[in-house]
Amino acid sequence: MAKTSLKAKQSKMYEKRFTEWKALKQPTKFYNRCRICGRSKSYVRDFGVCRVCLRKYAREGNIMWLRKASW
Protein backbone atom coordinates (compact mmCIF):
# COMPACT_ATOMS: atom_id res chain seq x y z
CA MET A 1 0.00 0.00 0.00
CA ALA A 2 1.13 3.49 -0.82
CA LYS A 3 1.64 6.08 1.83
CA THR A 4 -1.05 8.69 2.33
CA SER A 5 1.39 11.47 1.42
CA LEU A 6 2.17 9.74 -1.87
CA LYS A 7 -1.53 9.38 -2.68
CA ALA A 8 -2.07 13.08 -2.01
CA LYS A 9 0.88 13.98 -4.21
CA GLN A 10 -0.43 11.81 -7.05
CA SER A 11 -3.92 13.29 -6.82
CA LYS A 12 -2.48 16.82 -7.04
CA MET A 13 -0.44 15.85 -10.09
CA TYR A 14 -3.55 14.37 -11.70
CA GLU A 15 -5.58 17.52 -11.03
CA LYS A 16 -2.81 19.67 -12.51
CA ARG A 17 -2.59 17.57 -15.67
CA PHE A 18 -6.36 17.53 -16.05
CA THR A 19 -6.64 21.31 -15.79
CA GLU A 20 -3.82 21.75 -18.32
CA TRP A 21 -5.55 19.31 -20.67
CA LYS A 22 -8.87 21.17 -20.35
CA ALA A 23 -7.12 24.47 -21.11
CA LEU A 24 -5.77 23.16 -24.43
CA LYS A 25 -9.23 22.80 -26.03
CA GLN A 26 -7.86 20.57 -28.77
CA PRO A 27 -9.06 17.22 -30.01
CA THR A 28 -7.35 14.36 -28.22
CA LYS A 29 -6.54 12.37 -31.35
CA PHE A 30 -4.80 13.30 -34.55
CA TYR A 31 -5.81 11.41 -37.66
CA ASN A 32 -3.64 11.18 -40.74
CA ARG A 33 -5.56 12.20 -43.86
CA CYS A 34 -4.82 12.00 -47.55
CA ARG A 35 -3.43 15.28 -48.88
CA ILE A 36 -5.41 14.96 -52.09
CA CYS A 37 -8.88 13.63 -51.25
CA GLY A 38 -8.96 13.83 -47.43
CA ARG A 39 -9.61 10.12 -46.90
CA SER A 40 -8.65 8.92 -43.40
CA LYS A 41 -8.62 5.17 -44.00
CA SER A 42 -5.88 3.19 -45.73
CA TYR A 43 -3.38 6.06 -45.41
CA VAL A 44 0.14 5.38 -46.73
CA ARG A 45 2.46 7.27 -44.41
CA ASP A 46 5.52 7.24 -46.70
CA PHE A 47 3.71 9.21 -49.40
CA GLY A 48 1.10 11.09 -47.37
CA VAL A 49 -1.82 9.87 -49.49
CA CYS A 50 -4.42 7.12 -49.35
CA ARG A 51 -4.10 3.88 -51.29
CA VAL A 52 -6.63 4.98 -53.92
CA CYS A 53 -4.75 8.18 -54.78
CA LEU A 54 -1.41 6.39 -54.55
CA ARG A 55 -2.50 3.84 -57.12
CA LYS A 56 -4.01 6.47 -59.40
CA TYR A 57 -1.00 8.80 -59.40
CA ALA A 58 1.54 5.96 -59.55
CA ARG A 59 -0.08 4.63 -62.73
CA GLU A 60 0.01 8.11 -64.25
CA GLY A 61 3.68 8.43 -63.29
CA ASN A 62 3.17 11.48 -61.07
CA ILE A 63 4.93 9.99 -58.04
CA MET A 64 8.67 10.09 -58.44
CA TRP A 65 10.61 6.81 -58.03
CA LEU A 66 7.43 4.76 -58.01
CA ARG A 67 6.22 2.61 -60.84
CA LYS A 68 4.10 -0.44 -61.35
CA ALA A 69 6.02 -3.71 -61.09
CA SER A 70 4.23 -5.44 -63.96
CA TRP A 71 2.33 -4.09 -66.94
PDB file of N, CA and C in Angstrom:
ATOM      1  N   MET A   1       0.828  -1.184   0.000  1.00  0.00           N
ATOM      2  CA  MET A   1       0.000   0.000   0.000  1.00  0.00           C
ATOM      3  C   MET A   1       0.874   1.250   0.000  1.00  0.00           C
ATOM      4  N   ALA A   2       0.398   2.233  -0.746  1.00  0.00           N
ATOM      5  CA  ALA A   2       1.133   3.490  -0.821  1.00  0.00           C
ATOM      6  C   ALA A   2       0.855   4.348   0.404  1.00  0.00           C
ATOM      7  N   LYS A   3       1.811   5.167   0.701  1.00  0.00           N
ATOM      8  CA  LYS A   3       1.637   6.080   1.828  1.00  0.00           C
ATOM      9  C   LYS A   3       0.575   7.118   1.494  1.00  0.00           C
ATOM     10  N   THR A   4      -0.019   7.671   2.513  1.00  0.00           N
ATOM     11  CA  THR A   4      -1.046   8.689   2.331  1.00  0.00           C
ATOM     12  C   THR A   4      -0.469   9.925   1.656  1.00  0.00           C
ATOM     13  N   SER A   5       0.762  10.289   2.017  1.00  0.00           N
ATOM     14  CA  SER A   5       1.386  11.475   1.419  1.00  0.00           C
ATOM     15  C   SER A   5       1.615  11.263  -0.080  1.00  0.00           C
ATOM     16  N   LEU A   6       1.958  10.046  -0.464  1.00  0.00           N
ATOM     17  CA  LEU A   6       2.171   9.736  -1.869  1.00  0.00           C
ATOM     18  C   LEU A   6       0.851   9.802  -2.646  1.00  0.00           C
ATOM     19  N   LYS A   7      -0.210   9.310  -2.036  1.00  0.00           N
ATOM     20  CA  LYS A   7      -1.530   9.380  -2.678  1.00  0.00           C
ATOM     21  C   LYS A   7      -1.954  10.826  -2.887  1.00  0.00           C
ATOM     22  N   ALA A   8      -1.709  11.669  -1.897  1.00  0.00           N
ATOM     23  CA  ALA A   8      -2.069  13.083  -2.008  1.00  0.00           C
ATOM     24  C   ALA A   8      -1.260  13.755  -3.108  1.00  0.00           C
ATOM     25  N   LYS A   9       0.017  13.408  -3.186  1.00  0.00           N
ATOM     26  CA  LYS A   9       0.882  13.979  -4.214  1.00  0.00           C
ATOM     27  C   LYS A   9       0.414  13.570  -5.608  1.00  0.00           C
ATOM     28  N   GLN A  10       0.046  12.295  -5.767  1.00  0.00           N
ATOM     29  CA  GLN A  10      -0.426  11.814  -7.054  1.00  0.00           C
ATOM     30  C   GLN A  10      -1.736  12.469  -7.457  1.00  0.00           C
ATOM     31  N   SER A  11      -2.638  12.662  -6.499  1.00  0.00           N
ATOM     32  CA  SER A  11      -3.918  13.287  -6.824  1.00  0.00           C
ATOM     33  C   SER A  11      -3.731  14.744  -7.243  1.00  0.00           C
ATOM     34  N   LYS A  12      -2.766  15.444  -6.637  1.00  0.00           N
ATOM     35  CA  LYS A  12      -2.482  16.823  -7.037  1.00  0.00           C
ATOM     36  C   LYS A  12      -1.899  16.870  -8.441  1.00  0.00           C
ATOM     37  N   MET A  13      -1.016  15.914  -8.750  1.00  0.00           N
ATOM     38  CA  MET A  13      -0.440  15.854 -10.092  1.00  0.00           C
ATOM     39  C   MET A  13      -1.527  15.586 -11.119  1.00  0.00           C
ATOM     40  N   TYR A  14      -2.458  14.692 -10.790  1.00  0.00           N
ATOM     41  CA  TYR A  14      -3.547  14.373 -11.699  1.00  0.00           C
ATOM     42  C   TYR A  14      -4.424  15.594 -11.944  1.00  0.00           C
ATOM     43  N   GLU A  15      -4.746  16.314 -10.890  1.00  0.00           N
ATOM     44  CA  GLU A  15      -5.576  17.518 -11.026  1.00  0.00           C
ATOM     45  C   GLU A  15      -4.875  18.563 -11.895  1.00  0.00           C
ATOM     46  N   LYS A  16      -3.577  18.707 -11.720  1.00  0.00           N
ATOM     47  CA  LYS A  16      -2.809  19.674 -12.505  1.00  0.00           C
ATOM     48  C   LYS A  16      -2.828  19.299 -13.985  1.00  0.00           C
ATOM     49  N   ARG A  17      -2.575  18.029 -14.285  1.00  0.00           N
ATOM     50  CA  ARG A  17      -2.589  17.568 -15.667  1.00  0.00           C
ATOM     51  C   ARG A  17      -3.963  17.726 -16.298  1.00  0.00           C
ATOM     52  N   PHE A  18      -5.001  17.426 -15.527  1.00  0.00           N
ATOM     53  CA  PHE A  18      -6.359  17.526 -16.048  1.00  0.00           C
ATOM     54  C   PHE A  18      -6.723  18.968 -16.371  1.00  0.00           C
ATOM     55  N   THR A  19      -6.337  19.899 -15.521  1.00  0.00           N
ATOM     56  CA  THR A  19      -6.644  21.309 -15.790  1.00  0.00           C
ATOM     57  C   THR A  19      -5.855  21.817 -16.992  1.00  0.00           C
ATOM     58  N   GLU A  20      -4.597  21.361 -17.141  1.00  0.00           N
ATOM     59  CA  GLU A  20      -3.817  21.751 -18.316  1.00  0.00           C
ATOM     60  C   GLU A  20      -4.445  21.187 -19.590  1.00  0.00           C
ATOM     61  N   TRP A  21      -4.914  19.952 -19.510  1.00  0.00           N
ATOM     62  CA  TRP A  21      -5.547  19.312 -20.667  1.00  0.00           C
ATOM     63  C   TRP A  21      -6.830  20.041 -21.055  1.00  0.00           C
ATOM     64  N   LYS A  22      -7.628  20.441 -20.076  1.00  0.00           N
ATOM     65  CA  LYS A  22      -8.870  21.172 -20.347  1.00  0.00           C
ATOM     66  C   LYS A  22      -8.576  22.530 -20.973  1.00  0.00           C
ATOM     67  N   ALA A  23      -7.459  23.152 -20.597  1.00  0.00           N
ATOM     68  CA  ALA A  23      -7.115  24.471 -21.105  1.00  0.00           C
ATOM     69  C   ALA A  23      -6.687  24.418 -22.574  1.00  0.00           C
ATOM     70  N   LEU A  24      -6.224  23.268 -23.047  1.00  0.00           N
ATOM     71  CA  LEU A  24      -5.766  23.156 -24.434  1.00  0.00           C
ATOM     72  C   LEU A  24      -6.903  23.316 -25.441  1.00  0.00           C
ATOM     73  N   LYS A  25      -8.048  22.744 -25.153  1.00  0.00           N
ATOM     74  CA  LYS A  25      -9.226  22.799 -26.025  1.00  0.00           C
ATOM     75  C   LYS A  25      -8.908  22.306 -27.437  1.00  0.00           C
ATOM     76  N   GLN A  26      -8.198  21.192 -27.507  1.00  0.00           N
ATOM     77  CA  GLN A  26      -7.857  20.573 -28.774  1.00  0.00           C
ATOM     78  C   GLN A  26      -8.433  19.157 -28.786  1.00  0.00           C
ATOM     79  N   PRO A  27      -8.638  18.616 -29.981  1.00  0.00           N
ATOM     80  CA  PRO A  27      -9.056  17.219 -30.011  1.00  0.00           C
ATOM     81  C   PRO A  27      -7.952  16.326 -29.458  1.00  0.00           C
ATOM     82  N   THR A  28      -8.331  15.217 -28.863  1.00  0.00           N
ATOM     83  CA  THR A  28      -7.355  14.362 -28.218  1.00  0.00           C
ATOM     84  C   THR A  28      -6.604  13.492 -29.210  1.00  0.00           C
ATOM     85  N   LYS A  29      -7.187  13.228 -30.377  1.00  0.00           N
ATOM     86  CA  LYS A  29      -6.538  12.371 -31.347  1.00  0.00           C
ATOM     87  C   LYS A  29      -6.236  13.136 -32.624  1.00  0.00           C
ATOM     88  N   PHE A  30      -5.172  12.721 -33.280  1.00  0.00           N
ATOM     89  CA  PHE A  30      -4.799  13.304 -34.553  1.00  0.00           C
ATOM     90  C   PHE A  30      -4.869  12.209 -35.598  1.00  0.00           C
ATOM     91  N   TYR A  31      -5.652  12.408 -36.619  1.00  0.00           N
ATOM     92  CA  TYR A  31      -5.814  11.413 -37.662  1.00  0.00           C
ATOM     93  C   TYR A  31      -5.062  11.843 -38.913  1.00  0.00           C
ATOM     94  N   ASN A  32      -4.310  10.910 -39.477  1.00  0.00           N
ATOM     95  CA  ASN A  32      -3.644  11.175 -40.743  1.00  0.00           C
ATOM     96  C   ASN A  32      -4.681  11.152 -41.853  1.00  0.00           C
ATOM     97  N   ARG A  33      -4.620  12.124 -42.740  1.00  0.00           N
ATOM     98  CA  ARG A  33      -5.557  12.198 -43.858  1.00  0.00           C
ATOM     99  C   ARG A  33      -4.788  12.367 -45.159  1.00  0.00           C
ATOM    100  N   CYS A  34      -5.406  11.875 -46.225  1.00  0.00           N
ATOM    101  CA  CYS A  34      -4.824  11.995 -47.554  1.00  0.00           C
ATOM    102  C   CYS A  34      -4.743  13.467 -47.929  1.00  0.00           C
ATOM    103  N   ARG A  35      -3.619  13.880 -48.499  1.00  0.00           N
ATOM    104  CA  ARG A  35      -3.433  15.283 -48.878  1.00  0.00           C
ATOM    105  C   ARG A  35      -4.284  15.659 -50.074  1.00  0.00           C
ATOM    106  N   ILE A  36      -4.681  14.680 -50.859  1.00  0.00           N
ATOM    107  CA  ILE A  36      -5.412  14.964 -52.091  1.00  0.00           C
ATOM    108  C   ILE A  36      -6.921  14.916 -51.877  1.00  0.00           C
ATOM    109  N   CYS A  37      -7.421  13.796 -51.358  1.00  0.00           N
ATOM    110  CA  CYS A  37      -8.875  13.629 -51.247  1.00  0.00           C
ATOM    111  C   CYS A  37      -9.402  13.755 -49.820  1.00  0.00           C
ATOM    112  N   GLY A  38      -8.528  13.689 -48.819  1.00  0.00           N
ATOM    113  CA  GLY A  38      -8.962  13.834 -47.433  1.00  0.00           C
ATOM    114  C   GLY A  38      -9.406  12.543 -46.777  1.00  0.00           C
ATOM    115  N   ARG A  39      -9.203  11.421 -47.430  1.00  0.00           N
ATOM    116  CA  ARG A  39      -9.609  10.124 -46.896  1.00  0.00           C
ATOM    117  C   ARG A  39      -8.756   9.776 -45.681  1.00  0.00           C
ATOM    118  N   SER A  40      -9.383   9.237 -44.621  1.00  0.00           N
ATOM    119  CA  SER A  40      -8.650   8.922 -43.398  1.00  0.00           C
ATOM    120  C   SER A  40      -8.246   7.455 -43.326  1.00  0.00           C
ATOM    121  N   LYS A  41      -8.939   6.605 -44.043  1.00  0.00           N
ATOM    122  CA  LYS A  41      -8.621   5.175 -43.997  1.00  0.00           C
ATOM    123  C   LYS A  41      -7.626   4.804 -45.075  1.00  0.00           C
ATOM    124  N   SER A  42      -6.892   3.735 -44.825  1.00  0.00           N
ATOM    125  CA  SER A  42      -5.875   3.190 -45.733  1.00  0.00           C
ATOM    126  C   SER A  42      -4.883   4.273 -46.173  1.00  0.00           C
ATOM    127  N   TYR A  43      -4.354   4.977 -45.201  1.00  0.00           N
ATOM    128  CA  TYR A  43      -3.385   6.057 -45.410  1.00  0.00           C
ATOM    129  C   TYR A  43      -1.985   5.456 -45.525  1.00  0.00           C
ATOM    130  N   VAL A  44      -1.232   5.842 -46.540  1.00  0.00           N
ATOM    131  CA  VAL A  44       0.139   5.382 -46.727  1.00  0.00           C
ATOM    132  C   VAL A  44       1.065   6.486 -46.225  1.00  0.00           C
ATOM    133  N   ARG A  45       1.693   6.241 -45.107  1.00  0.00           N
ATOM    134  CA  ARG A  45       2.464   7.265 -44.414  1.00  0.00           C
ATOM    135  C   ARG A  45       3.672   7.758 -45.204  1.00  0.00           C
ATOM    136  N   ASP A  46       4.318   6.861 -45.952  1.00  0.00           N
ATOM    137  CA  ASP A  46       5.517   7.244 -46.702  1.00  0.00           C
ATOM    138  C   ASP A  46       5.236   8.314 -47.754  1.00  0.00           C
ATOM    139  N   PHE A  47       4.046   8.281 -48.332  1.00  0.00           N
ATOM    140  CA  PHE A  47       3.712   9.213 -49.403  1.00  0.00           C
ATOM    141  C   PHE A  47       2.718  10.289 -48.983  1.00  0.00           C
ATOM    142  N   GLY A  48       2.045  10.103 -47.862  1.00  0.00           N
ATOM    143  CA  GLY A  48       1.096  11.092 -47.372  1.00  0.00           C
ATOM    144  C   GLY A  48      -0.235  11.093 -48.100  1.00  0.00           C
ATOM    145  N   VAL A  49      -0.550   9.984 -48.771  1.00  0.00           N
ATOM    146  CA  VAL A  49      -1.821   9.869 -49.494  1.00  0.00           C
ATOM    147  C   VAL A  49      -2.464   8.527 -49.179  1.00  0.00           C
ATOM    148  N   CYS A  50      -3.723   8.387 -49.562  1.00  0.00           N
ATOM    149  CA  CYS A  50      -4.424   7.120 -49.352  1.00  0.00           C
ATOM    150  C   CYS A  50      -4.061   6.148 -50.476  1.00  0.00           C
ATOM    151  N   ARG A  51      -4.456   4.910 -50.318  1.00  0.00           N
ATOM    152  CA  ARG A  51      -4.100   3.880 -51.293  1.00  0.00           C
ATOM    153  C   ARG A  51      -4.740   4.124 -52.649  1.00  0.00           C
ATOM    154  N   VAL A  52      -5.926   4.712 -52.664  1.00  0.00           N
ATOM    155  CA  VAL A  52      -6.626   4.983 -53.921  1.00  0.00           C
ATOM    156  C   VAL A  52      -5.861   6.022 -54.738  1.00  0.00           C
ATOM    157  N   CYS A  53      -5.498   7.123 -54.093  1.00  0.00           N
ATOM    158  CA  CYS A  53      -4.751   8.179 -54.782  1.00  0.00           C
ATOM    159  C   CYS A  53      -3.352   7.718 -55.133  1.00  0.00           C
ATOM    160  N   LEU A  54      -2.743   6.910 -54.263  1.00  0.00           N
ATOM    161  CA  LEU A  54      -1.413   6.386 -54.546  1.00  0.00           C
ATOM    162  C   LEU A  54      -1.433   5.558 -55.820  1.00  0.00           C
ATOM    163  N   ARG A  55      -2.403   4.687 -55.937  1.00  0.00           N
ATOM    164  CA  ARG A  55      -2.499   3.836 -57.124  1.00  0.00           C
ATOM    165  C   ARG A  55      -2.753   4.662 -58.381  1.00  0.00           C
ATOM    166  N   LYS A  56      -3.658   5.632 -58.262  1.00  0.00           N
ATOM    167  CA  LYS A  56      -4.010   6.471 -59.400  1.00  0.00           C
ATOM    168  C   LYS A  56      -2.802   7.268 -59.905  1.00  0.00           C
ATOM    169  N   TYR A  57      -2.106   7.952 -59.001  1.00  0.00           N
ATOM    170  CA  TYR A  57      -0.998   8.803 -59.401  1.00  0.00           C
ATOM    171  C   TYR A  57       0.253   8.001 -59.757  1.00  0.00           C
ATOM    172  N   ALA A  58       0.405   6.808 -59.187  1.00  0.00           N
ATOM    173  CA  ALA A  58       1.538   5.961 -59.554  1.00  0.00           C
ATOM    174  C   ALA A  58       1.376   5.451 -60.985  1.00  0.00           C
ATOM    175  N   ARG A  59       0.163   5.110 -61.365  1.00  0.00           N
ATOM    176  CA  ARG A  59      -0.079   4.634 -62.729  1.00  0.00           C
ATOM    177  C   ARG A  59       0.122   5.749 -63.742  1.00  0.00           C
ATOM    178  N   GLU A  60      -0.196   6.965 -63.361  1.00  0.00           N
ATOM    179  CA  GLU A  60       0.007   8.109 -64.251  1.00  0.00           C
ATOM    180  C   GLU A  60       1.474   8.536 -64.299  1.00  0.00           C
ATOM    181  N   GLY A  61       2.262   8.071 -63.342  1.00  0.00           N
ATOM    182  CA  GLY A  61       3.676   8.431 -63.288  1.00  0.00           C
ATOM    183  C   GLY A  61       3.938   9.749 -62.589  1.00  0.00           C
ATOM    184  N   ASN A  62       3.025  10.200 -61.763  1.00  0.00           N
ATOM    185  CA  ASN A  62       3.170  11.480 -61.074  1.00  0.00           C
ATOM    186  C   ASN A  62       3.958  11.382 -59.769  1.00  0.00           C
ATOM    187  N   ILE A  63       4.165  10.170 -59.268  1.00  0.00           N
ATOM    188  CA  ILE A  63       4.928   9.995 -58.041  1.00  0.00           C
ATOM    189  C   ILE A  63       6.334   9.549 -58.427  1.00  0.00           C
ATOM    190  N   MET A  64       7.298  10.359 -58.058  1.00  0.00           N
ATOM    191  CA  MET A  64       8.673  10.094 -58.435  1.00  0.00           C
ATOM    192  C   MET A  64       9.182   8.818 -57.772  1.00  0.00           C
ATOM    193  N   TRP A  65       9.980   8.049 -58.466  1.00  0.00           N
ATOM    194  CA  TRP A  65      10.612   6.810 -58.027  1.00  0.00           C
ATOM    195  C   TRP A  65       9.612   5.689 -57.733  1.00  0.00           C
ATOM    196  N   LEU A  66       8.420   5.812 -58.240  1.00  0.00           N
ATOM    197  CA  LEU A  66       7.426   4.761 -58.010  1.00  0.00           C
ATOM    198  C   LEU A  66       6.816   4.376 -59.344  1.00  0.00           C
ATOM    199  N   ARG A  67       6.841   3.098 -59.619  1.00  0.00           N
ATOM    200  CA  ARG A  67       6.219   2.611 -60.842  1.00  0.00           C
ATOM    201  C   ARG A  67       5.632   1.247 -60.595  1.00  0.00           C
ATOM    202  N   LYS A  68       4.748   0.845 -61.470  1.00  0.00           N
ATOM    203  CA  LYS A  68       4.102  -0.441 -61.348  1.00  0.00           C
ATOM    204  C   LYS A  68       5.114  -1.547 -61.662  1.00  0.00           C
ATOM    205  N   ALA A  69       5.045  -2.633 -60.925  1.00  0.00           N
ATOM    206  CA  ALA A  69       6.024  -3.711 -61.093  1.00  0.00           C
ATOM    207  C   ALA A  69       5.778  -4.490 -62.392  1.00  0.00           C
ATOM    208  N   SER A  70       4.538  -4.696 -62.738  1.00  0.00           N
ATOM    209  CA  SER A  70       4.229  -5.442 -63.963  1.00  0.00           C
ATOM    210  C   SER A  70       3.194  -4.674 -64.772  1.00  0.00           C
ATOM    211  N   TRP A  71       3.289  -4.770 -66.074  1.00  0.00           N
ATOM    212  CA  TRP A  71       2.325  -4.085 -66.940  1.00  0.00           C
ATOM    213  C   TRP A  71       1.494  -5.075 -67.613  1.00  0.00           C
TER     214      TRP A  71
END
